[in-house]
Amino acid sequence: GAGAASTLAPLPARAADGTVFVAGATGQTGRRVLERLAAGGGGVVAGVRNVAKAEKTLSEASTVVRGAMVQQVGAVATAGVQFKPLDVTTMDAAALKGALAGSDKLVIALGFVPGNPLKMDSAAHAVDNVGTVALVGAAKAAGVKKVVLVSSILTNGRAWGQESSPGFQVTNAFGHVLDEKLVAENALKASGLDYTIVRPGGLKAKPPTGPLVISKEDTLNSGEVSRDLVADVCVAALTDAKAKNKVVEIIEGEGSGTGMDFGKA
C-alpha cells in the first residue's frame, strides 16, 4: 500500500528540516537562497510582492543593468517552490502571519532598493525597520522556529566607534539604512526565536574569488563578499546548531579563510 511505497522511497535530505519561507525571494540575495533550497528538496515558499511577475522573472535567465553594472542572472528552477504574496509595507500582522503559516523556518532577505533620493529615508524605514520587525513578530505568531536575517556589517557601527569610518558613512548615507537595520536586528534578538543574523560586507554579484571568512559580531568594518557565499551561509545557518542565536559577519578573505564554521563567530 501507500505506507510501504513511502518507506521505499527515501525522502530528500532536507525534507526533515521542514518548510523554509524566503522573504524577498526575487532580490539578488533572496533568489540565490531560493535556488539553493529548491535544489535541495524539501518545502520552499517564496514570499514576493507580485506572484505572477516573480514566477516569470525567476524562471528566466536575464541580463540586468543596475546602475553602472551589468549582471548575468541565472534562471531558478522553481518547480517545487510555492509562491505567496508578501509585502511587509502594506500587509497587516494577520496577513503576514497567514503568509508564514505552515513554514518552519524563515530567511529574511529584504531590503529597500535605493531610488528616489527624497524617499530613501522613508523607504528604508518602511522595509528594513518597520516591515522587518513586523515580519519577525508574524513569524513568532505563526510558529516559525528559526529565522535567518540578512543584514550588513557595521549595522551596529556606532556602538564600537565606527561612526566616521568610510564603510559606515557610505552605507548609512542610503536612507540611514544601517540604523534602520539595527532596530530589526534587536527585535529579532529579543523575540525569543532561534535566530542567526548574517552581516555581509559589500555585496558582489560575481562568484567568490577569495575564501569565506566568518567573524564575530562587531568586528568587520570593510571587505566584500559574493552574494553566492551569503546565500550559502544563510542556507547553512538554517540547520547548523552552532549558528543558533548568533550574529555572524562575513567577507571574502585571503589565505584559507574559516570555511563554514559558525564556531568562529
Protein backbone atom coordinates (compact mmCIF):
# COMPACT_ATOMS: atom_id res chain seq x y z
CA GLY A 1 0.00 0.00 0.00
CA ALA A 2 0.91 3.68 0.23
CA GLY A 3 2.74 3.16 3.51
CA ALA A 4 5.07 0.56 2.06
CA ALA A 5 5.75 2.68 -1.02
CA SER A 6 6.66 5.71 1.05
CA THR A 7 9.14 3.72 3.14
CA LEU A 8 10.89 2.52 -0.01
CA ALA A 9 11.43 5.98 -1.49
CA PRO A 10 13.86 7.91 0.72
CA LEU A 11 12.80 11.46 1.40
CA PRO A 12 15.08 14.27 0.24
CA ALA A 13 17.70 15.07 2.85
CA ARG A 14 16.20 18.46 3.56
CA ALA A 15 12.60 17.40 3.97
CA ALA A 16 13.10 16.65 7.65
CA ASP A 17 14.03 20.30 8.15
CA GLY A 18 10.50 21.36 7.29
CA THR A 19 9.37 24.20 5.08
CA VAL A 20 11.53 27.27 4.58
CA PHE A 21 9.97 30.63 3.68
CA VAL A 22 12.21 33.05 1.78
CA ALA A 23 11.12 36.68 2.18
CA GLY A 24 12.46 38.82 -0.63
CA ALA A 25 12.88 35.84 -2.95
CA THR A 26 13.28 37.93 -6.12
CA GLY A 27 16.09 40.05 -4.68
CA GLN A 28 19.68 39.44 -5.69
CA THR A 29 20.47 37.54 -2.49
CA GLY A 30 17.00 36.07 -1.95
CA ARG A 31 16.90 34.40 -5.35
CA ARG A 32 20.23 32.72 -4.62
CA VAL A 33 18.90 31.40 -1.31
CA LEU A 34 15.75 30.19 -3.07
CA GLU A 35 17.83 28.49 -5.76
CA ARG A 36 19.85 26.53 -3.19
CA LEU A 37 16.82 25.49 -1.15
CA ALA A 38 14.82 24.46 -4.22
CA ALA A 39 17.72 22.33 -5.44
CA GLY A 40 17.99 20.65 -2.04
CA GLY A 41 14.43 19.36 -1.94
CA GLY A 42 12.11 19.96 1.00
CA GLY A 43 9.38 22.55 1.19
CA VAL A 44 10.23 26.02 -0.06
CA VAL A 45 7.95 29.06 -0.11
CA ALA A 46 8.88 32.24 -1.98
CA GLY A 47 7.43 35.38 -0.44
CA VAL A 48 7.14 38.00 -3.17
CA ARG A 49 5.19 41.20 -3.80
CA ASN A 50 3.82 40.08 -7.17
CA VAL A 51 3.45 36.31 -7.66
CA ALA A 52 2.90 36.29 -11.43
CA LYS A 53 5.82 38.65 -12.04
CA ALA A 54 8.10 36.70 -9.68
CA GLU A 55 7.33 33.34 -11.26
CA LYS A 56 8.25 34.81 -14.63
CA THR A 57 11.43 36.65 -13.62
CA LEU A 58 12.80 33.78 -11.53
CA SER A 59 12.26 31.22 -14.28
CA GLU A 60 14.17 33.25 -16.88
CA ALA A 61 17.88 33.88 -17.23
CA SER A 62 18.45 37.55 -17.86
CA THR A 63 20.95 40.36 -18.08
CA VAL A 64 20.17 43.04 -15.54
CA VAL A 65 21.58 46.54 -15.71
CA ARG A 66 21.97 48.05 -12.24
CA GLY A 67 23.49 51.48 -12.40
CA ALA A 68 26.92 51.04 -13.95
CA MET A 69 26.90 47.25 -13.52
CA VAL A 70 25.66 44.59 -15.91
CA GLN A 71 24.78 41.35 -14.14
CA GLN A 72 24.04 37.95 -15.59
CA VAL A 73 21.21 36.41 -13.60
CA GLY A 74 20.60 32.69 -13.99
CA ALA A 75 17.18 31.09 -14.02
CA VAL A 76 15.99 29.45 -10.81
CA ALA A 77 14.40 26.01 -11.06
CA THR A 78 11.13 26.80 -9.29
CA ALA A 79 9.27 23.52 -9.92
CA GLY A 80 8.92 22.68 -6.22
CA VAL A 81 8.56 26.24 -4.97
CA GLN A 82 5.27 27.61 -3.66
CA PHE A 83 4.76 31.33 -4.26
CA LYS A 84 2.91 33.50 -1.75
CA PRO A 85 2.20 37.22 -1.77
CA LEU A 86 4.30 39.11 0.76
CA ASP A 87 4.65 42.86 1.15
CA VAL A 88 5.88 43.96 4.56
CA THR A 89 5.00 47.59 3.82
CA THR A 90 1.30 47.00 3.12
CA MET A 91 0.22 43.76 4.82
CA ASP A 92 -1.05 43.84 8.40
CA ALA A 93 0.03 41.48 11.18
CA ALA A 94 -2.73 38.96 10.45
CA ALA A 95 -1.89 38.84 6.74
CA LEU A 96 1.82 38.40 7.43
CA LYS A 97 1.07 35.62 9.91
CA GLY A 98 -1.15 33.97 7.32
CA ALA A 99 1.59 34.09 4.71
CA LEU A 100 4.02 32.38 7.11
CA ALA A 101 1.52 29.75 8.32
CA GLY A 102 2.90 26.27 7.70
CA SER A 103 6.52 27.38 7.41
CA ASP A 104 9.04 26.16 9.98
CA LYS A 105 11.92 28.44 9.10
CA LEU A 106 12.29 31.90 7.62
CA VAL A 107 15.07 33.62 5.69
CA ILE A 108 14.61 37.40 5.56
CA ALA A 109 16.45 38.79 2.55
CA LEU A 110 14.55 42.06 2.36
CA GLY A 111 16.00 45.48 1.71
CA PHE A 112 14.75 48.68 0.22
CA VAL A 113 16.06 49.46 -3.26
CA PRO A 114 17.72 52.89 -3.34
CA GLY A 115 15.92 55.07 -5.82
CA ASN A 116 14.36 58.49 -5.36
CA PRO A 117 16.80 60.31 -3.01
CA LEU A 118 13.91 62.20 -1.44
CA LYS A 119 12.19 58.95 -0.44
CA MET A 120 15.13 56.82 0.65
CA ASP A 121 14.72 57.53 4.36
CA SER A 122 11.04 56.57 4.37
CA ALA A 123 11.67 53.52 2.17
CA ALA A 124 14.48 52.20 4.37
CA HIS A 125 12.39 52.83 7.46
CA ALA A 126 9.38 51.03 5.98
CA VAL A 127 11.24 47.94 4.73
CA ASP A 128 14.44 47.44 6.73
CA ASN A 129 12.97 48.54 10.07
CA VAL A 130 9.19 48.53 10.49
CA GLY A 131 8.41 45.89 7.87
CA THR A 132 11.13 43.52 9.01
CA VAL A 133 10.14 43.95 12.67
CA ALA A 134 6.54 43.16 11.71
CA LEU A 135 7.67 40.05 9.85
CA VAL A 136 9.62 38.83 12.90
CA GLY A 137 6.50 39.29 15.03
CA ALA A 138 4.43 37.42 12.47
CA ALA A 139 6.98 34.59 12.42
CA LYS A 140 6.64 34.15 16.16
CA ALA A 141 2.84 34.25 15.94
CA ALA A 142 2.85 31.70 13.09
CA GLY A 143 5.02 29.22 14.98
CA VAL A 144 8.16 29.63 12.89
CA LYS A 145 11.08 28.04 14.74
CA LYS A 146 14.16 29.59 13.11
CA VAL A 147 14.84 32.97 11.50
CA VAL A 148 17.89 33.90 9.43
CA LEU A 149 18.14 37.65 8.82
CA VAL A 150 20.41 39.14 6.16
CA SER A 151 21.75 42.43 7.50
CA SER A 152 25.09 44.21 6.96
CA ILE A 153 28.47 44.72 8.57
CA LEU A 154 28.63 47.98 10.55
CA THR A 155 24.92 47.85 11.38
CA ASN A 156 25.93 48.41 15.00
CA GLY A 157 28.92 50.55 13.98
CA ARG A 158 28.01 53.46 16.25
CA ALA A 159 28.45 51.23 19.30
CA TRP A 160 32.09 50.39 18.54
CA GLY A 161 33.48 53.67 17.29
CA GLN A 162 32.89 53.18 13.56
CA GLU A 163 30.53 56.11 13.02
CA SER A 164 33.10 58.04 10.99
CA SER A 165 34.56 55.02 9.17
CA PRO A 166 34.20 55.11 5.37
CA GLY A 167 32.13 51.93 5.33
CA PHE A 168 29.61 53.27 7.82
CA GLN A 169 29.42 56.73 6.23
CA VAL A 170 28.92 55.45 2.69
CA THR A 171 26.40 52.71 3.52
CA ASN A 172 24.36 54.70 6.02
CA ALA A 173 24.09 57.57 3.52
CA PHE A 174 21.45 55.47 1.76
CA GLY A 175 18.36 56.12 3.85
CA HIS A 176 20.21 55.71 7.18
CA VAL A 177 19.77 52.04 6.38
CA LEU A 178 22.25 50.73 8.98
CA ASP A 179 20.36 52.50 11.77
CA GLU A 180 17.09 51.07 10.44
CA LYS A 181 18.50 47.54 10.16
CA LEU A 182 19.77 47.69 13.73
CA VAL A 183 16.22 48.10 15.03
CA ALA A 184 15.18 44.95 13.17
CA GLU A 185 18.20 43.02 14.43
CA ASN A 186 17.39 43.96 18.02
CA ALA A 187 13.75 42.98 17.57
CA LEU A 188 14.82 39.55 16.33
CA LYS A 189 17.25 39.11 19.23
CA ALA A 190 14.50 39.99 21.69
CA SER A 191 11.87 37.77 20.04
CA GLY A 192 12.81 34.54 21.78
CA LEU A 193 13.09 32.84 18.38
CA ASP A 194 16.17 30.85 17.39
CA TYR A 195 17.96 33.34 15.14
CA THR A 196 21.07 33.84 13.04
CA ILE A 197 21.87 37.35 11.82
CA VAL A 198 24.13 37.29 8.78
CA ARG A 199 26.05 40.54 8.25
CA PRO A 200 27.84 40.53 4.89
CA GLY A 201 30.42 43.07 3.75
CA GLY A 202 29.98 44.88 0.45
CA LEU A 203 27.93 42.68 -1.85
CA LYS A 204 29.30 41.44 -5.18
CA ALA A 205 27.26 39.82 -7.93
CA LYS A 206 30.24 37.86 -9.25
CA PRO A 207 31.25 34.42 -7.90
CA PRO A 208 33.68 34.47 -4.97
CA THR A 209 37.38 35.00 -5.67
CA GLY A 210 38.54 34.51 -2.07
CA PRO A 211 37.68 32.11 0.75
CA LEU A 212 34.80 32.66 3.13
CA VAL A 213 35.75 34.37 6.39
CA ILE A 214 33.24 34.15 9.26
CA SER A 215 33.92 36.67 12.01
CA LYS A 216 32.38 37.68 15.33
CA GLU A 217 29.76 40.37 15.88
CA ASP A 218 31.01 43.96 15.56
CA THR A 219 34.47 43.07 14.23
CA LEU A 220 34.48 43.85 10.48
CA ASN A 221 34.40 47.39 9.09
CA SER A 222 35.39 46.66 5.48
CA GLY A 223 35.61 43.91 2.89
CA GLU A 224 33.45 42.44 0.16
CA VAL A 225 31.64 39.16 -0.34
CA SER A 226 29.91 37.40 -3.21
CA ARG A 227 26.16 37.08 -2.88
CA ASP A 228 26.72 33.39 -3.66
CA LEU A 229 28.58 33.00 -0.35
CA VAL A 230 25.95 35.00 1.50
CA ALA A 231 23.31 32.57 0.25
CA ASP A 232 25.47 29.59 1.20
CA VAL A 233 25.85 30.93 4.75
CA CYS A 234 22.11 31.61 5.08
CA VAL A 235 21.22 28.08 4.00
CA ALA A 236 23.82 26.53 6.30
CA ALA A 237 22.59 28.63 9.24
CA LEU A 238 19.11 27.11 8.92
CA THR A 239 20.36 23.75 10.16
CA ASP A 240 23.72 24.28 11.90
CA ALA A 241 23.32 24.19 15.70
CA LYS A 242 26.47 26.33 16.07
CA ALA A 243 24.66 29.19 14.31
CA LYS A 244 21.93 29.36 16.97
CA ASN A 245 21.38 32.87 18.36
CA LYS A 246 24.48 34.27 16.73
CA VAL A 247 25.44 37.34 14.75
CA VAL A 248 27.97 36.38 12.08
CA GLU A 249 29.93 38.78 9.91
CA ILE A 250 31.19 37.52 6.57
CA ILE A 251 33.61 38.65 3.87
CA GLU A 252 35.94 37.04 1.36
CA GLY A 253 39.44 36.93 2.78
CA GLU A 254 42.95 35.86 1.96
CA GLY A 255 44.61 32.51 2.54
CA SER A 256 42.43 29.63 3.65
CA GLY A 257 39.58 31.53 5.32
CA THR A 258 37.44 29.92 8.02
CA GLY A 259 35.17 27.74 5.91
CA MET A 260 31.56 27.32 7.02
CA ASP A 261 32.46 27.34 10.73
CA PHE A 262 29.90 29.19 12.83
CA GLY A 263 32.11 28.46 15.83
CA LYS A 264 34.31 31.32 14.62
CA ALA A 265 31.52 33.81 15.33
